[in-house]
Amino acid sequence: MELGKMRHIVFQWMGWSSVIMGLTGLLLLNGMLLSGFDIPIATNASFYVISFILGFVSIFQKKSRSLGLWGIGLSIYFFVFIILMFGLGWAIVPFP
């Protein structure tokens, strides 16, 4: 296999894994919110950091740039969601 083609496949794989990890994490988060269980946010945060890193690496290849941007967007959405939920929760009950 040619090295250029293999590099293209690796970047595509990183982009797809970033998107799939982001969507899977959001699916788990929504399932936990709907079921009423306590949400283990700290364990999911590393999942999104890895998704962000893979998305960031995959934007350097032109053909996998859109996948990388989707992965980065999903990770940023998760962190904005967590910050807003923490802020709203702190505004309702500041001292648990």
C-alpha atoms as a PDB file:
ATOM      1  CA  MET A   1       0.000   0.000   0.000  1.00  0.00           C
ATOM      2  CA  GLU A   2       1.286   3.405  -0.916  1.00  0.00           C
ATOM      3  CA  LEU A   3       2.281   5.687   1.977  1.00  0.00           C
ATOM      4  CA  GLY A   4       0.188   8.640   0.747  1.00  0.00           C
ATOM      5  CA  LYS A   5      -2.948   6.514   0.486  1.00  0.00           C
ATOM      6  CA  MET A   6      -2.315   5.009   3.918  1.00  0.00           C
ATOM      7  CA  ARG A   7      -1.929   8.492   5.419  1.00  0.00           C
ATOM      8  CA  HIS A   8      -5.252   9.488   3.831  1.00  0.00           C
ATOM      9  CA  ILE A   9      -6.943   6.430   5.354  1.00  0.00           C
ATOM     10  CA  VAL A  10      -5.504   7.197   8.808  1.00  0.00           C
ATOM     11  CA  PHE A  11      -6.800  10.779   8.723  1.00  0.00           C
ATOM     12  CA  GLN A  12     -10.218   9.586   7.515  1.00  0.00           C
ATOM     13  CA  TRP A  13     -10.289   7.029  10.337  1.00  0.00           C
ATOM     14  CA  MET A  14      -9.426   9.720  12.900  1.00  0.00           C
ATOM     15  CA  GLY A  15     -12.193  11.965  11.580  1.00  0.00           C
ATOM     16  CA  TRP A  16     -14.817   9.240  11.630  1.00  0.00           C
ATOM     17  CA  SER A  17     -13.808   8.059  15.089  1.00  0.00           C
ATOM     18  CA  SER A  18     -14.017  11.643  16.369  1.00  0.00           C
ATOM     19  CA  VAL A  19     -17.560  12.025  15.024  1.00  0.00           C
ATOM     20  CA  ILE A  20     -18.680   8.607  16.267  1.00  0.00           C
ATOM     21  CA  MET A  21     -17.221   9.226  19.738  1.00  0.00           C
ATOM     22  CA  GLY A  22     -18.967  12.602  19.931  1.00  0.00           C
ATOM     23  CA  LEU A  23     -22.335  11.201  18.855  1.00  0.00           C
ATOM     24  CA  THR A  24     -22.038   8.191  21.172  1.00  0.00           C
ATOM     25  CA  GLY A  25     -21.200  10.425  24.118  1.00  0.00           C
ATOM     26  CA  LEU A  26     -24.158  12.691  23.421  1.00  0.00           C
ATOM     27  CA  LEU A  27     -26.389   9.640  23.094  1.00  0.00           C
ATOM     28  CA  LEU A  28     -25.245   8.395  26.500  1.00  0.00           C
ATOM     29  CA  LEU A  29     -25.701  11.846  28.033  1.00  0.00           C
ATOM     30  CA  ASN A  30     -29.254  12.134  26.680  1.00  0.00           C
ATOM     31  CA  GLY A  31     -30.097   8.628  27.864  1.00  0.00           C
ATOM     32  CA  MET A  32     -28.888   9.431  31.357  1.00  0.00           C
ATOM     33  CA  LEU A  33     -30.823  12.695  31.423  1.00  0.00           C
ATOM     34  CA  LEU A  34     -34.032  11.008  30.279  1.00  0.00           C
ATOM     35  CA  SER A  35     -33.708   8.095  32.691  1.00  0.00           C
ATOM     36  CA  GLY A  36     -33.111  10.327  35.713  1.00  0.00           C
ATOM     37  CA  PHE A  37     -29.823   8.779  36.844  1.00  0.00           C
ATOM     38  CA  ASP A  38     -26.964  10.874  38.144  1.00  0.00           C
ATOM     39  CA  ILE A  39     -24.737  11.879  35.275  1.00  0.00           C
ATOM     40  CA  PRO A  40     -21.045  10.949  35.627  1.00  0.00           C
ATOM     41  CA  ILE A  41     -19.724  13.964  33.742  1.00  0.00           C
ATOM     42  CA  ALA A  42     -16.102  13.556  34.805  1.00  0.00           C
ATOM     43  CA  THR A  43     -15.847  10.115  33.212  1.00  0.00           C
ATOM     44  CA  ASN A  44     -17.334  11.361  29.937  1.00  0.00           C
ATOM     45  CA  ALA A  45     -15.064  14.415  29.814  1.00  0.00           C
ATOM     46  CA  SER A  46     -12.006  12.374  28.844  1.00  0.00           C
ATOM     47  CA  PHE A  47     -14.100  10.810  26.076  1.00  0.00           C
ATOM     48  CA  TYR A  48     -14.745  14.266  24.618  1.00  0.00           C
ATOM     49  CA  VAL A  49     -11.165  15.421  25.018  1.00  0.00           C
ATOM     50  CA  ILE A  50     -10.018  12.432  22.952  1.00  0.00           C
ATOM     51  CA  SER A  51     -12.724  13.200  20.393  1.00  0.00           C
ATOM     52  CA  PHE A  52     -11.534  16.818  20.231  1.00  0.00           C
ATOM     53  CA  ILE A  53      -7.895  15.784  19.745  1.00  0.00           C
ATOM     54  CA  LEU A  54      -8.748  13.298  16.987  1.00  0.00           C
ATOM     55  CA  GLY A  55     -10.884  15.932  15.260  1.00  0.00           C
ATOM     56  CA  PHE A  56      -8.112  18.493  15.535  1.00  0.00           C
ATOM     57  CA  VAL A  57      -5.571  16.120  13.987  1.00  0.00           C
ATOM     58  CA  SER A  58      -7.911  15.165  11.150  1.00  0.00           C
ATOM     59  CA  ILE A  59      -8.464  18.772   9.999  1.00  0.00           C
ATOM     60  CA  PHE A  60      -4.942  18.877   8.582  1.00  0.00           C
ATOM     61  CA  GLN A  61      -5.884  16.563   5.710  1.00  0.00           C
ATOM     62  CA  LYS A  62      -8.107  18.236   3.116  1.00  0.00           C
ATOM     63  CA  LYS A  63     -10.379  15.238   2.505  1.00  0.00           C
ATOM     64  CA  SER A  64     -11.052  14.599   6.209  1.00  0.00           C
ATOM     65  CA  ARG A  65     -11.417  18.244   7.246  1.00  0.00           C
ATOM     66  CA  SER A  66     -15.224  18.194   7.373  1.00  0.00           C
ATOM     67  CA  LEU A  67     -15.216  15.139   9.638  1.00  0.00           C
ATOM     68  CA  GLY A  68     -12.696  16.810  11.923  1.00  0.00           C
ATOM     69  CA  LEU A  69     -14.793  19.945  12.140  1.00  0.00           C
ATOM     70  CA  TRP A  70     -17.862  17.871  13.027  1.00  0.00           C
ATOM     71  CA  GLY A  71     -15.923  16.097  15.777  1.00  0.00           C
ATOM     72  CA  ILE A  72     -14.600  19.380  17.160  1.00  0.00           C
ATOM     73  CA  GLY A  73     -18.087  20.909  17.010  1.00  0.00           C
ATOM     74  CA  LEU A  74     -19.622  18.016  18.947  1.00  0.00           C
ATOM     75  CA  SER A  75     -16.927  18.254  21.612  1.00  0.00           C
ATOM     76  CA  ILE A  76     -17.346  22.005  21.981  1.00  0.00           C
ATOM     77  CA  TYR A  77     -21.122  21.571  22.178  1.00  0.00           C
ATOM     78  CA  PHE A  78     -20.705  19.110  25.040  1.00  0.00           C
ATOM     79  CA  PHE A  79     -18.444  21.440  27.023  1.00  0.00           C
ATOM     80  CA  VAL A  80     -20.764  24.433  26.480  1.00  0.00           C
ATOM     81  CA  PHE A  81     -23.703  22.262  27.598  1.00  0.00           C
ATOM     82  CA  ILE A  82     -21.889  21.223  30.779  1.00  0.00           C
ATOM     83  CA  ILE A  83     -20.885  24.814  31.609  1.00  0.00           C
ATOM     84  CA  LEU A  84     -24.434  26.088  31.078  1.00  0.00           C
ATOM     85  CA  MET A  85     -26.001  23.268  33.112  1.00  0.00           C
ATOM     86  CA  PHE A  86     -23.537  23.853  35.938  1.00  0.00           C
ATOM     87  CA  GLY A  87     -24.277  27.586  35.842  1.00  0.00           C
ATOM     88  CA  LEU A  88     -28.039  27.075  35.849  1.00  0.00           C
ATOM     89  CA  GLY A  89     -27.800  24.502  38.635  1.00  0.00           C
ATOM     90  CA  TRP A  90     -25.619  26.841  40.671  1.00  0.00           C
ATOM     91  CA  ALA A  91     -28.140  29.672  40.157  1.00  0.00           C
ATOM     92  CA  ILE A  92     -31.017  27.523  41.422  1.00  0.00           C
ATOM     93  CA  VAL A  93     -29.297  25.915  44.425  1.00  0.00           C
ATOM     94  CA  PRO A  94     -25.974  27.647  45.182  1.00  0.00           C
ATOM     95  CA  PHE A  95     -25.147  25.567  48.278  1.00  0.00           C
ATOM     96  CA  PRO A  96     -26.157  21.894  48.174  1.00  0.00           C
END
